[in-house]
Amino acid sequence: MKELVNNLHWYFTDFCVNTANLLGITYVEFNFWLFVVLFPSIVTILILLNAFRNKIAFFSKNAIQK
């Protein structure tokens, strides 16, 4: 299991380094955009979409029961 985690870490590190090189930015900049900007933005959007979906489902269920 430790070897799997180690291989995954190096695979994703290599992916980040290669992607940063393709974009013409540094590894640190790529990590900033990925983990400080992109990932939290996606999580926030998904939470808001889920809350909106739940709100619609709640009101739809109440409308059907009336």
Protein backbone atom coordinates (compact mmCIF):
# COMPACT_ATOMS: atom_id res chain seq x y z
CA MET A 1 0.00 0.00 0.00
CA LYS A 2 2.85 2.36 0.84
CA GLU A 3 4.36 1.74 -2.58
CA LEU A 4 1.03 2.55 -4.27
CA VAL A 5 0.73 5.85 -2.40
CA ASN A 6 4.34 6.70 -3.20
CA ASN A 7 3.81 5.93 -6.90
CA LEU A 8 0.64 8.02 -7.01
CA HIS A 9 2.41 10.94 -5.35
CA TRP A 10 5.23 10.90 -7.88
CA TYR A 11 2.82 10.43 -10.79
CA PHE A 12 0.77 13.49 -9.82
CA THR A 13 3.88 15.52 -9.01
CA ASP A 14 5.24 14.68 -12.45
CA PHE A 15 1.86 15.57 -13.98
CA CYS A 16 1.92 18.97 -12.24
CA VAL A 17 5.49 19.69 -13.31
CA ASN A 18 4.80 18.72 -16.94
CA THR A 19 1.54 20.68 -17.06
CA ALA A 20 3.25 23.74 -15.59
CA ASN A 21 5.98 23.47 -18.21
CA LEU A 22 3.38 23.22 -20.98
CA LEU A 23 1.61 26.31 -19.64
CA GLY A 24 4.88 28.21 -19.26
CA ILE A 25 4.53 28.71 -15.51
CA THR A 26 6.38 27.33 -12.51
CA TYR A 27 5.37 24.30 -10.48
CA VAL A 28 4.56 26.56 -7.51
CA GLU A 29 2.32 28.79 -9.64
CA PHE A 30 0.53 25.74 -11.04
CA ASN A 31 -0.05 24.40 -7.52
CA PHE A 32 -1.41 27.80 -6.47
CA TRP A 33 -3.90 27.89 -9.34
CA LEU A 34 -4.88 24.25 -8.86
CA PHE A 35 -5.20 24.01 -5.08
CA VAL A 36 -5.90 27.61 -4.01
CA VAL A 37 -8.09 28.84 -6.87
CA LEU A 38 -9.52 26.02 -9.01
CA PHE A 39 -10.23 23.28 -6.46
CA PRO A 40 -11.93 25.52 -3.84
CA SER A 41 -13.96 27.18 -6.61
CA ILE A 42 -15.20 23.83 -7.89
CA VAL A 43 -16.06 22.65 -4.37
CA THR A 44 -17.95 25.88 -3.65
CA ILE A 45 -19.90 25.63 -6.91
CA LEU A 46 -20.80 22.00 -6.20
CA ILE A 47 -21.99 22.86 -2.67
CA LEU A 48 -24.14 25.70 -4.03
CA LEU A 49 -25.57 23.48 -6.77
CA ASN A 50 -26.41 20.81 -4.23
CA ALA A 51 -28.12 23.34 -1.94
CA PHE A 52 -30.09 24.70 -4.91
CA ARG A 53 -31.08 21.16 -5.95
CA ASN A 54 -32.20 20.34 -2.41
CA LYS A 55 -34.22 23.57 -2.23
CA ILE A 56 -35.99 22.74 -5.50
CA ALA A 57 -36.66 19.17 -4.33
CA PHE A 58 -38.04 20.43 -1.01
CA PHE A 59 -40.43 22.88 -2.67
CA SER A 60 -41.45 20.34 -5.31
CA LYS A 61 -42.26 17.77 -2.64
CA ASN A 62 -44.34 20.34 -0.70
CA ALA A 63 -46.20 21.41 -3.86
CA ILE A 64 -47.09 17.78 -4.67
CA GLN A 65 -48.38 17.10 -1.15
CA LYS A 66 -50.73 20.12 -1.15
